[in-house]
């Protein structure tokens, strides 16, 4: 094992090949990158061997995605060197990266919803017929179908991407990257919207790619995935490469410490008690086959967890209650009064908030500033005479929430699109906290958020419950559900299959209920 010194910190950096004699396919050294007000990368370094999975880890804003965007030509470095197969290269754009055999699956989805899955996969590379004049739709669909078969997923290549769930859209992105037959594949949080079965399928695909010599850069915040799949780990912090180490034998506590620069407390179950005051009651909620006779209550000061596999109906229930989707039947009572909620505007007026699992499309206006995104749900509070906006008050309150939630941004005037995915998620949370709603639905609240920020979000949600807020958390991460919830509702195929006490529930008991109706005739 070769030991290097970090040029910025003087700390030792270990480098370790996935196997003896492994060939290096990518080397990045001394990479510098600055944006207005942000020094994003500081002499960062990274290397990748053929046939290995190299986990790239760090808190949101650490520089991971920026480094990979430089490798794929999305950004141009201010300094440093990139070598591919030991040859110095200049990657001036994504097409250059593809020509070099480098593909990336971004954390945020870059799909065109009005096009089919096959059209998204092969856009710009469509097979042709009739002297190259016409697109060969049949061959394109069959090629896409072959990719999905390889991934062992059932997606109609001729179906519009906009009709797919977030999880299935993610799988289309993965198929698109695989279609390039690249020797370097970068996966940025690829499992953030996948269930356990889909994750297993993805890992089987990764194993096959490794066996064929493909080098995989795996960006994730999920420690269990790193332990399961990575050969090496590189940790970044504040734009610097802190250390590279073999995954085998490296305790995750060391990785976390390098990521956050501090020790994190061990996960504990939800503590404290909640009152008996019922603030939300849902009875007999129905919407086609997506929601079938769903009934539950939420109490003041309670965190109610919703668990289940992808497609179980958890998000559909939240959207129906919030007025985003129409219901066929059912009753909703807020603070003991029956309410008719026809739109999200109605829901917000009644004290409900909903943080969507898809922050990019339903939680933010990314070209707008952090200030405007934090305050947009509460603008009426900052009007003078019903006409003029109090800009100073908007700035002050947005600064306050940015500081409270530790959003990494040079200023509240920064465009939200320039923030990391996790910091964008935190801005959405700030928006609803400022609105001061009594009942808050958090759908995958820590999707794409690093381990340090997760701990802060957990503390925040528990603090809100302590203030008497009613919290509903929808999450695909069972440890998260178990850590946060006083009670746990489990769903399968649109129905509630059971309710568990958060103090005694286990992953096994949740999964038993989550698969109760799988495969049965309904």
Protein backbone atom coordinates (compact mmCIF):
# COMPACT_ATOMS: atom_id res chain seq x y z
CA UNK A 1 0.00 0.00 0.00
CA UNK A 2 1.39 3.37 -0.96
CA UNK A 3 1.04 6.29 1.45
CA UNK A 4 0.75 9.87 0.18
CA UNK A 5 0.38 13.18 1.99
CA UNK A 6 -2.64 15.43 1.45
CA UNK A 7 -1.13 18.57 -0.08
CA UNK A 8 -3.49 20.85 1.85
CA UNK A 9 -3.75 19.22 5.27
CA UNK A 10 -0.56 17.20 5.58
CA UNK A 11 -2.65 14.13 6.47
CA UNK A 12 -1.64 10.73 5.17
CA UNK A 13 -3.60 9.41 2.20
CA UNK A 14 -3.67 5.68 1.53
CA UNK A 15 -4.05 4.34 -1.99
CA UNK A 16 -4.93 0.74 -2.64
CA UNK A 17 -5.62 -1.07 -5.88
CA UNK A 18 -8.75 -3.17 -6.16
CA UNK A 19 -6.45 -6.06 -6.95
CA UNK A 20 -2.74 -6.45 -7.49
CA UNK A 21 -1.70 -5.23 -10.90
CA UNK A 22 -5.00 -3.43 -11.51
CA UNK A 23 -4.68 -0.95 -14.39
CA UNK A 24 -5.54 2.68 -13.75
CA UNK A 25 -8.20 4.02 -16.11
CA UNK A 26 -8.60 7.53 -14.62
CA UNK A 27 -6.23 9.79 -12.70
CA UNK A 28 -7.18 13.28 -11.51
CA UNK A 29 -4.63 15.38 -9.66
CA UNK A 30 -4.44 18.95 -8.39
CA UNK A 31 -7.96 19.75 -9.58
CA UNK A 32 -9.10 23.30 -8.80
CA UNK A 33 -12.55 24.80 -9.35
CA UNK A 34 -14.19 27.98 -8.12
CA UNK A 35 -17.66 29.43 -8.60
CA UNK A 36 -18.80 32.92 -7.56
CA UNK A 37 -18.27 33.00 -3.82
CA UNK A 38 -17.35 29.31 -3.56
CA UNK A 39 -13.96 27.55 -3.80
CA UNK A 40 -15.46 24.18 -4.70
CA UNK A 41 -12.30 22.11 -5.28
CA UNK A 42 -8.88 22.60 -3.72
CA UNK A 43 -6.13 20.51 -5.31
CA UNK A 44 -8.47 17.50 -5.31
CA UNK A 45 -7.22 14.11 -6.48
CA UNK A 46 -8.88 10.85 -7.42
CA UNK A 47 -8.01 7.70 -9.34
CA UNK A 48 -9.95 4.70 -10.61
CA UNK A 49 -8.83 1.19 -11.54
CA UNK A 50 -10.38 -1.11 -14.11
CA UNK A 51 -12.81 -3.62 -12.61
CA UNK A 52 -13.28 -1.88 -9.25
CA UNK A 53 -16.00 0.03 -7.43
CA UNK A 54 -14.46 3.15 -5.91
CA UNK A 55 -16.82 4.87 -3.45
CA UNK A 56 -16.54 8.67 -3.42
CA UNK A 57 -17.94 10.03 -0.17
CA UNK A 58 -18.37 13.33 1.64
CA UNK A 59 -20.98 15.69 3.00
CA UNK A 60 -23.15 17.73 0.66
CA UNK A 61 -21.01 20.47 -0.82
CA UNK A 62 -17.79 18.52 -0.23
CA UNK A 63 -17.00 18.60 -3.96
CA UNK A 64 -17.83 15.05 -5.07
CA UNK A 65 -20.31 15.91 -7.80
CA UNK A 66 -18.24 18.89 -8.95
CA UNK A 67 -15.18 16.67 -9.36
CA UNK A 68 -17.15 14.17 -11.41
CA UNK A 69 -18.74 16.92 -13.51
CA UNK A 70 -15.23 18.01 -14.41
CA UNK A 71 -14.34 14.44 -15.39
CA UNK A 72 -17.43 14.29 -17.62
CA UNK A 73 -16.90 17.72 -19.20
CA UNK A 74 -19.87 19.48 -17.61
CA UNK A 75 -17.47 21.89 -15.87
CA UNK A 76 -13.99 22.99 -16.90
CA UNK A 77 -11.31 22.89 -14.18
CA UNK A 78 -9.38 26.02 -13.18
CA UNK A 79 -6.28 23.89 -12.73
CA UNK A 80 -4.96 20.35 -12.45
CA UNK A 81 -4.55 17.36 -14.74
CA UNK A 82 -6.78 14.52 -15.96
CA UNK A 83 -5.39 11.30 -17.39
CA UNK A 84 -7.46 8.56 -19.00
CA UNK A 85 -5.64 5.27 -19.58
CA UNK A 86 -2.48 7.22 -18.58
CA UNK A 87 -2.89 9.75 -21.41
CA UNK A 88 -3.33 13.42 -20.45
CA UNK A 89 -6.69 14.62 -21.78
CA UNK A 90 -8.80 17.76 -21.95
CA UNK A 91 -12.50 17.01 -21.52
CA UNK A 92 -14.25 19.99 -23.09
CA UNK A 93 -17.77 18.63 -22.95
CA UNK A 94 -19.95 15.57 -22.28
CA UNK A 95 -19.43 14.33 -25.85
CA UNK A 96 -15.65 14.25 -25.24
CA UNK A 97 -16.26 12.21 -22.09
CA UNK A 98 -18.45 9.74 -23.97
CA UNK A 99 -15.79 9.41 -26.67
CA UNK A 100 -13.30 8.59 -23.91
CA UNK A 101 -15.65 5.91 -22.58
CA UNK A 102 -16.90 7.85 -19.55
CA UNK A 103 -20.60 7.95 -18.63
CA UNK A 104 -22.44 9.38 -15.63
CA UNK A 105 -25.79 8.80 -13.94
CA UNK A 106 -26.61 12.08 -12.25
CA UNK A 107 -28.30 12.34 -8.85
CA UNK A 108 -30.97 14.57 -10.40
CA UNK A 109 -32.86 13.05 -13.31
CA UNK A 110 -32.20 14.48 -16.77
CA UNK A 111 -35.04 12.93 -18.72
CA UNK A 112 -37.61 14.37 -21.12
CA UNK A 113 -40.99 13.37 -19.76
CA UNK A 114 -42.83 13.68 -23.10
CA UNK A 115 -40.52 11.14 -24.78
CA UNK A 116 -40.61 7.37 -24.39
CA UNK A 117 -38.11 5.42 -22.32
CA UNK A 118 -36.37 4.18 -25.49
CA UNK A 119 -36.24 7.69 -26.98
CA UNK A 120 -34.64 9.02 -23.79
CA UNK A 121 -32.04 6.25 -23.79
CA UNK A 122 -30.99 6.65 -27.44
CA UNK A 123 -31.66 10.34 -28.07
CA UNK A 124 -29.16 11.60 -30.64
CA UNK A 125 -28.12 7.99 -31.39
CA UNK A 126 -31.36 6.58 -32.78
CA UNK A 127 -31.08 3.60 -35.15
CA UNK A 128 -32.14 4.55 -38.68
CA UNK A 129 -33.81 2.90 -41.66
CA UNK A 130 -34.75 3.96 -45.18
CA UNK A 131 -31.31 5.31 -46.19
CA UNK A 132 -30.97 6.89 -42.77
CA UNK A 133 -34.00 9.13 -43.16
CA UNK A 134 -36.40 7.51 -40.68
CA UNK A 135 -35.91 6.52 -37.05
CA UNK A 136 -36.24 2.75 -36.62
CA UNK A 137 -38.63 2.82 -33.66
CA UNK A 138 -38.97 -0.98 -33.57
CA UNK A 139 -35.23 -1.58 -33.30
CA UNK A 140 -34.83 1.24 -30.77
CA UNK A 141 -37.58 -0.26 -28.59
CA UNK A 142 -36.04 -3.72 -28.87
CA UNK A 143 -32.56 -2.39 -27.93
CA UNK A 144 -34.07 -0.62 -24.92
CA UNK A 145 -36.00 -3.77 -24.00
CA UNK A 146 -32.72 -5.73 -24.09
CA UNK A 147 -31.16 -3.26 -21.64
CA UNK A 148 -34.12 -3.58 -19.28
CA UNK A 149 -33.93 -7.38 -19.54
CA UNK A 150 -30.26 -7.19 -18.60
CA UNK A 151 -31.25 -5.09 -15.59
CA UNK A 152 -34.12 -7.50 -14.84
CA UNK A 153 -36.72 -4.75 -14.68
CA UNK A 154 -40.10 -4.59 -16.40
CA UNK A 155 -40.38 -1.20 -18.11
CA UNK A 156 -42.25 -0.58 -21.36
CA UNK A 157 -39.69 1.04 -23.72
CA UNK A 158 -42.54 2.62 -25.71
CA UNK A 159 -44.16 4.22 -22.66
CA UNK A 160 -43.71 7.91 -21.85
CA UNK A 161 -41.14 8.57 -19.12
CA UNK A 162 -43.43 11.15 -17.51
CA UNK A 163 -45.87 8.39 -16.58
CA UNK A 164 -43.21 6.47 -14.60
CA UNK A 165 -42.51 6.74 -10.89
CA UNK A 166 -39.29 8.42 -9.74
CA UNK A 167 -37.80 4.98 -9.06
CA UNK A 168 -38.47 3.76 -12.59
CA UNK A 169 -37.23 7.00 -14.10
CA UNK A 170 -33.97 6.38 -12.22
CA UNK A 171 -33.76 2.94 -13.82
CA UNK A 172 -34.18 4.51 -17.27
CA UNK A 173 -31.21 6.78 -16.45
CA UNK A 174 -29.17 3.73 -15.51
CA UNK A 175 -30.13 1.95 -18.74
CA UNK A 176 -29.12 5.05 -20.72
CA UNK A 177 -25.67 5.04 -19.12
CA UNK A 178 -25.26 1.31 -19.72
CA UNK A 179 -26.14 1.77 -23.39
CA UNK A 180 -22.81 3.53 -24.02
CA UNK A 181 -20.79 0.41 -23.07
CA UNK A 182 -18.42 2.67 -21.17
CA UNK A 183 -15.19 1.66 -19.45
CA UNK A 184 -15.82 4.25 -16.72
CA UNK A 185 -19.28 4.55 -15.17
CA UNK A 186 -20.04 7.22 -12.56
CA UNK A 187 -23.10 6.59 -10.39
CA UNK A 188 -24.23 9.58 -8.31
CA UNK A 189 -26.64 8.31 -5.62
CA UNK A 190 -28.07 5.67 -8.02
CA UNK A 191 -30.19 3.90 -5.39
CA UNK A 192 -31.80 6.97 -3.84
CA UNK A 193 -35.22 6.06 -5.30
CA UNK A 194 -34.89 2.28 -5.56
CA UNK A 195 -36.40 -0.38 -3.33
CA UNK A 196 -34.40 -3.32 -1.97
CA UNK A 197 -35.18 -5.62 -4.88
CA UNK A 198 -34.20 -2.96 -7.41
CA UNK A 199 -30.99 -2.28 -5.47
CA UNK A 200 -30.15 -5.99 -5.61
CA UNK A 201 -30.69 -5.91 -9.37
CA UNK A 202 -28.45 -2.87 -9.72
CA UNK A 203 -25.69 -4.50 -7.67
CA UNK A 204 -25.90 -7.61 -9.86
CA UNK A 205 -25.43 -5.35 -12.90
CA UNK A 206 -22.45 -3.68 -11.21
CA UNK A 207 -20.88 -7.08 -10.48
CA UNK A 208 -21.24 -7.99 -14.15
CA UNK A 209 -19.68 -4.69 -15.24
CA UNK A 210 -16.75 -5.21 -12.85
CA UNK A 211 -16.19 -8.68 -14.27
CA UNK A 212 -15.88 -7.08 -17.72
CA UNK A 213 -13.27 -4.58 -16.50
CA UNK A 214 -15.47 -1.49 -16.12
CA UNK A 215 -14.33 0.94 -13.44
CA UNK A 216 -17.22 2.34 -11.38
CA UNK A 217 -17.21 5.55 -9.34
CA UNK A 218 -19.95 5.14 -6.76
CA UNK A 219 -21.12 8.33 -5.01
CA UNK A 220 -23.36 7.57 -2.06
CA UNK A 221 -24.17 8.50 1.52
CA UNK A 222 -25.35 5.00 2.40
CA UNK A 223 -22.78 3.25 4.57
CA UNK A 224 -24.34 -0.18 4.18
CA UNK A 225 -23.97 0.05 0.39
CA UNK A 226 -20.31 1.03 0.71
CA UNK A 227 -19.59 -1.96 2.95
CA UNK A 228 -21.43 -4.23 0.55
CA UNK A 229 -20.07 -3.14 -2.81
CA UNK A 230 -16.97 -0.90 -2.64
CA UNK A 231 -13.36 -1.95 -3.18
CA UNK A 232 -11.90 1.42 -2.17
CA UNK A 233 -13.21 4.59 -0.51
CA UNK A 234 -12.14 8.19 -1.07
CA UNK A 235 -13.45 10.83 1.33
CA UNK A 236 -13.73 14.51 0.40
CA UNK A 237 -14.36 17.46 2.69
CA UNK A 238 -14.60 21.16 1.83
CA UNK A 239 -13.33 20.54 -1.70
CA UNK A 240 -10.28 18.58 -0.58
CA UNK A 241 -9.42 14.90 -0.89
CA UNK A 242 -8.97 13.78 2.71
CA UNK A 243 -7.99 10.14 2.32
CA UNK A 244 -8.25 7.09 0.07
CA UNK A 245 -8.43 3.68 1.77
CA UNK A 246 -9.43 0.07 1.12
CA UNK A 247 -13.07 -0.61 1.95
CA UNK A 248 -12.24 -3.97 3.53
CA UNK A 249 -11.18 -3.49 7.12
CA UNK A 250 -11.94 0.24 7.28
CA UNK A 251 -14.48 1.02 10.03
CA UNK A 252 -17.37 3.22 8.91
CA UNK A 253 -16.83 5.36 12.01
CA UNK A 254 -13.52 6.46 10.47
CA UNK A 255 -15.21 7.29 7.17
CA UNK A 256 -17.87 9.36 8.94
CA UNK A 257 -15.26 11.18 11.01
CA UNK A 258 -13.32 12.09 7.86
CA UNK A 259 -16.51 13.25 6.16
CA UNK A 260 -17.83 15.53 8.87
CA UNK A 261 -14.70 16.32 10.85
CA UNK A 262 -16.44 15.26 14.05
CA UNK A 263 -17.89 12.21 15.73
CA UNK A 264 -21.62 11.58 15.34
CA UNK A 265 -23.78 10.18 18.08
CA UNK A 266 -25.11 6.66 17.61
CA UNK A 267 -28.60 6.34 16.21
CA UNK A 268 -31.30 6.11 18.87
CA UNK A 269 -35.00 5.40 18.68
CA UNK A 270 -37.59 8.12 18.95
CA UNK A 271 -37.80 9.39 22.50
CA UNK A 272 -40.36 11.30 24.50
CA UNK A 273 -44.10 11.03 24.51
CA UNK A 274 -46.80 12.71 22.51
CA UNK A 275 -50.23 13.84 23.57
CA UNK A 276 -53.56 12.19 22.84
CA UNK A 277 -54.88 15.17 20.91
CA UNK A 278 -55.80 14.04 17.41
CA UNK A 279 -54.93 16.62 14.74
CA UNK A 280 -55.50 14.58 11.58
CA UNK A 281 -57.90 11.73 10.88
CA UNK A 282 -58.18 10.04 7.49
CA UNK A 283 -61.05 7.58 6.98
CA UNK A 284 -61.80 5.29 4.03
CA UNK A 285 -59.52 7.07 1.54
CA UNK A 286 -59.72 5.62 -1.99
CA UNK A 287 -58.19 6.52 -5.34
CA UNK A 288 -58.42 3.80 -7.99
CA UNK A 289 -56.06 0.90 -7.26
CA UNK A 290 -53.35 3.22 -5.87
CA UNK A 291 -55.18 3.88 -2.55
CA UNK A 292 -57.66 1.38 -1.16
CA UNK A 293 -59.62 2.05 2.02
CA UNK A 294 -56.80 3.81 3.89
CA UNK A 295 -57.59 5.04 7.41
CA UNK A 296 -55.24 6.40 10.08
CA UNK A 297 -54.78 9.18 12.64
CA UNK A 298 -51.93 11.48 13.63
CA UNK A 299 -51.62 13.06 17.07
CA UNK A 300 -50.11 16.31 18.24
CA UNK A 301 -46.37 15.92 18.88
CA UNK A 302 -46.22 12.53 17.15
CA UNK A 303 -43.96 11.29 14.38
CA UNK A 304 -45.92 8.75 12.35
CA UNK A 305 -43.80 6.68 9.95
CA UNK A 306 -45.10 5.27 6.67
CA UNK A 307 -43.14 2.24 5.45
CA UNK A 308 -43.50 -0.07 2.45
CA UNK A 309 -41.89 -0.99 -0.83
CA UNK A 310 -41.86 1.34 -3.83
CA UNK A 311 -45.34 1.46 -5.32
CA UNK A 312 -47.02 0.56 -2.03
CA UNK A 313 -49.10 3.76 -2.15
CA UNK A 314 -47.40 5.85 0.55
CA UNK A 315 -46.67 8.87 -1.64
CA UNK A 316 -50.10 8.58 -3.28
CA UNK A 317 -51.76 8.87 0.14
CA UNK A 318 -49.78 12.00 1.01
CA UNK A 319 -50.53 13.64 -2.35
CA UNK A 320 -54.24 12.84 -2.05
CA UNK A 321 -54.48 14.32 1.45
CA UNK A 322 -52.58 17.42 0.31
CA UNK A 323 -54.97 17.94 -2.60
CA UNK A 324 -52.37 17.27 -5.31
CA UNK A 325 -54.39 14.31 -6.65
CA UNK A 326 -58.22 13.90 -6.61
CA UNK A 327 -59.76 11.16 -4.46
CA UNK A 328 -62.66 8.85 -5.26
CA UNK A 329 -63.97 8.74 -1.71
CA UNK A 330 -62.99 9.19 1.91
CA UNK A 331 -63.01 11.77 4.69
CA UNK A 332 -60.28 14.03 6.05
CA UNK A 333 -60.65 15.66 9.46
CA UNK A 334 -58.22 18.41 10.56
CA UNK A 335 -58.36 19.35 14.25
CA UNK A 336 -61.67 17.52 14.54
CA UNK A 337 -63.40 19.25 11.64
CA UNK A 338 -64.19 17.55 8.34
CA UNK A 339 -62.40 19.31 5.52
CA UNK A 340 -62.63 19.23 1.75
CA UNK A 341 -59.16 19.68 0.25
CA UNK A 342 -59.28 20.22 -3.49
CA UNK A 343 -55.83 21.70 -4.01
CA UNK A 344 -52.47 22.19 -2.25
CA UNK A 345 -53.51 25.81 -1.66
CA UNK A 346 -56.48 24.54 0.38
CA UNK A 347 -54.18 22.23 2.33
CA UNK A 348 -51.67 24.98 3.17
CA UNK A 349 -54.50 27.24 4.39
CA UNK A 350 -55.58 24.44 6.74
CA UNK A 351 -52.10 24.12 8.22
CA UNK A 352 -50.76 21.18 6.18
CA UNK A 353 -47.36 21.04 4.47
CA UNK A 354 -45.94 18.45 2.08
CA UNK A 355 -42.27 17.98 1.24
CA UNK A 356 -42.29 15.97 -1.98
CA UNK A 357 -39.90 13.11 -2.74
CA UNK A 358 -39.14 14.91 -6.03
CA UNK A 359 -37.78 18.25 -4.82
CA UNK A 360 -36.64 19.34 -8.29
CA UNK A 361 -40.11 19.29 -9.85
CA UNK A 362 -42.43 19.85 -6.89
CA UNK A 363 -40.42 21.51 -4.11
CA UNK A 364 -38.28 24.20 -5.69
CA UNK A 365 -38.06 26.78 -8.43
CA UNK A 366 -34.37 26.15 -9.05
CA UNK A 367 -33.55 29.28 -11.13
CA UNK A 368 -34.79 31.42 -8.22
CA UNK A 369 -32.62 32.41 -5.26
CA UNK A 370 -32.37 30.59 -1.97
CA UNK A 371 -34.15 33.53 -0.34
CA UNK A 372 -37.12 33.33 -2.70
CA UNK A 373 -37.43 29.54 -2.36
CA UNK A 374 -37.34 29.67 1.45
CA UNK A 375 -39.99 32.38 1.63
CA UNK A 376 -42.27 31.61 -1.35
CA UNK A 377 -44.92 29.75 0.67
CA UNK A 378 -45.17 32.68 3.11
CA UNK A 379 -44.91 35.75 0.88
CA UNK A 380 -48.23 37.19 2.07
CA UNK A 381 -46.64 37.69 5.51
CA UNK A 382 -44.07 40.06 3.99
CA UNK A 383 -46.42 42.38 2.10
CA UNK A 384 -46.97 45.99 3.09
CA UNK A 385 -50.37 47.32 2.15
CA UNK A 386 -51.01 44.10 0.26
CA UNK A 387 -48.75 45.34 -2.57
CA UNK A 388 -45.11 45.96 -1.63
CA UNK A 389 -42.74 43.20 -0.56
CA UNK A 390 -40.51 43.89 2.47
CA UNK A 391 -37.19 42.77 0.97
CA UNK A 392 -35.16 43.32 4.13
CA UNK A 393 -37.49 41.10 6.15
CA UNK A 394 -37.37 38.41 3.44
CA UNK A 395 -33.59 38.49 3.49
CA UNK A 396 -33.34 38.39 7.28
CA UNK A 397 -35.72 35.48 7.77
CA UNK A 398 -34.16 33.43 4.95
CA UNK A 399 -30.69 34.05 6.43
CA UNK A 400 -31.99 32.86 9.79
CA UNK A 401 -33.24 29.56 8.37
CA UNK A 402 -30.13 29.05 6.26
CA UNK A 403 -28.04 29.37 9.42
CA UNK A 404 -30.37 27.21 11.53
CA UNK A 405 -30.37 24.38 9.00
CA UNK A 406 -26.72 24.82 7.99
CA UNK A 407 -27.45 25.26 4.29
CA UNK A 408 -24.14 25.54 2.44
CA UNK A 409 -24.51 28.58 0.19
CA UNK A 410 -22.37 31.68 -0.29
CA UNK A 411 -25.45 33.86 0.23
CA UNK A 412 -29.24 33.74 0.19
CA UNK A 413 -29.05 35.39 -3.25
CA UNK A 414 -27.42 32.29 -4.76
CA UNK A 415 -29.53 30.51 -7.39
CA UNK A 416 -30.88 27.33 -5.84
CA UNK A 417 -29.90 25.27 -8.90
CA UNK A 418 -26.23 25.82 -7.99
CA UNK A 419 -26.60 24.11 -4.59
CA UNK A 420 -25.89 20.44 -4.02
CA UNK A 421 -28.86 18.07 -3.97
CA UNK A 422 -28.85 17.75 -0.19
CA UNK A 423 -28.73 21.50 0.32
CA UNK A 424 -31.63 21.92 -2.10
CA UNK A 425 -33.59 19.44 0.03
CA UNK A 426 -32.82 21.47 3.14
CA UNK A 427 -34.09 24.64 1.44
CA UNK A 428 -37.44 22.89 0.84
CA UNK A 429 -37.61 21.96 4.52
CA UNK A 430 -36.85 25.58 5.45
CA UNK A 431 -39.73 26.75 3.24
CA UNK A 432 -42.29 24.67 5.16
CA UNK A 433 -40.80 25.43 8.56
CA UNK A 434 -41.17 29.14 7.85
CA UNK A 435 -44.81 28.55 6.92
CA UNK A 436 -45.27 27.19 10.48
CA UNK A 437 -47.77 24.49 9.55
CA UNK A 438 -49.21 22.20 12.25
CA UNK A 439 -49.15 18.98 10.18
CA UNK A 440 -46.11 18.22 8.06
CA UNK A 441 -45.67 15.36 5.57
CA UNK A 442 -42.02 14.58 4.80
CA UNK A 443 -41.72 12.25 1.78
CA UNK A 444 -38.18 10.76 1.69
CA UNK A 445 -36.84 13.74 3.70
CA UNK A 446 -33.19 12.65 3.59
CA UNK A 447 -33.01 11.37 0.01
CA UNK A 448 -29.57 12.37 -1.32
CA UNK A 449 -28.53 13.90 2.01
CA UNK A 450 -25.21 13.01 3.62
CA UNK A 451 -24.78 11.37 6.99
CA UNK A 452 -23.97 14.58 8.86
CA UNK A 453 -26.93 16.46 7.41
CA UNK A 454 -29.18 13.45 8.10
CA UNK A 455 -28.39 13.67 11.79
CA UNK A 456 -29.31 17.36 11.72
CA UNK A 457 -32.59 16.64 9.90
CA UNK A 458 -33.48 13.91 12.42
CA UNK A 459 -32.79 16.29 15.29
CA UNK A 460 -34.89 18.93 13.56
CA UNK A 461 -37.89 16.64 13.04
CA UNK A 462 -37.73 15.41 16.62
CA UNK A 463 -37.55 19.02 17.79
CA UNK A 464 -40.63 19.92 15.75
CA UNK A 465 -42.54 17.03 17.30
CA UNK A 466 -41.40 18.27 20.71
CA UNK A 467 -42.98 21.63 19.87
CA UNK A 468 -46.30 19.87 19.21
CA UNK A 469 -46.14 19.57 15.45
CA UNK A 470 -47.68 16.44 13.92
CA UNK A 471 -45.12 14.81 11.61
CA UNK A 472 -45.69 12.14 8.96
CA UNK A 473 -42.45 10.64 7.59
CA UNK A 474 -42.52 8.51 4.44
CA UNK A 475 -39.23 6.71 3.95
CA UNK A 476 -37.80 3.73 2.10
CA UNK A 477 -34.93 3.51 4.60
CA UNK A 478 -36.04 1.22 7.41
CA UNK A 479 -33.37 2.41 9.89
CA UNK A 480 -34.70 5.93 9.37
CA UNK A 481 -38.30 4.86 10.00
CA UNK A 482 -37.26 2.96 13.12
CA UNK A 483 -35.18 5.83 14.44
CA UNK A 484 -37.82 8.54 14.02
CA UNK A 485 -41.26 6.99 14.44
CA UNK A 486 -43.47 6.73 17.50
CA UNK A 487 -45.85 4.60 15.41
CA UNK A 488 -45.33 2.95 12.02
CA UNK A 489 -47.98 2.39 9.34
CA UNK A 490 -47.00 -0.26 6.78
CA UNK A 491 -48.53 -0.35 3.30
CA UNK A 492 -48.57 -2.85 0.45
CA UNK A 493 -50.32 -2.49 -2.91
CA UNK A 494 -52.38 0.52 -1.86
CA UNK A 495 -53.59 -0.90 1.46
CA UNK A 496 -52.51 -0.57 5.06
CA UNK A 497 -51.32 -4.00 6.12
CA UNK A 498 -50.45 -3.20 9.72
CA UNK A 499 -49.52 -0.73 12.43
CA UNK A 500 -46.48 -1.14 14.70
CA UNK A 501 -45.24 0.49 17.88
CA UNK A 502 -42.03 2.33 17.04
CA UNK A 503 -40.40 1.18 20.28
CA UNK A 504 -40.69 -2.51 19.48
CA UNK A 505 -40.81 -2.66 15.67
CA UNK A 506 -37.96 -4.32 13.75
CA UNK A 507 -36.89 -4.32 10.14
CA UNK A 508 -38.14 -7.89 9.91
CA UNK A 509 -41.60 -7.06 11.27
CA UNK A 510 -41.90 -4.12 8.85
CA UNK A 511 -40.82 -6.18 5.84
CA UNK A 512 -43.25 -8.97 6.74
CA UNK A 513 -46.13 -6.50 6.57
CA UNK A 514 -44.69 -4.72 3.52
CA UNK A 515 -44.77 -7.96 1.50
CA UNK A 516 -47.99 -9.36 2.95
CA UNK A 517 -50.01 -9.03 -0.24
CA UNK A 518 -47.20 -9.40 -2.74
CA UNK A 519 -48.14 -12.01 -5.30
CA UNK A 520 -51.68 -12.52 -4.00
CA UNK A 521 -54.72 -12.05 -6.18
CA UNK A 522 -56.47 -8.87 -5.17
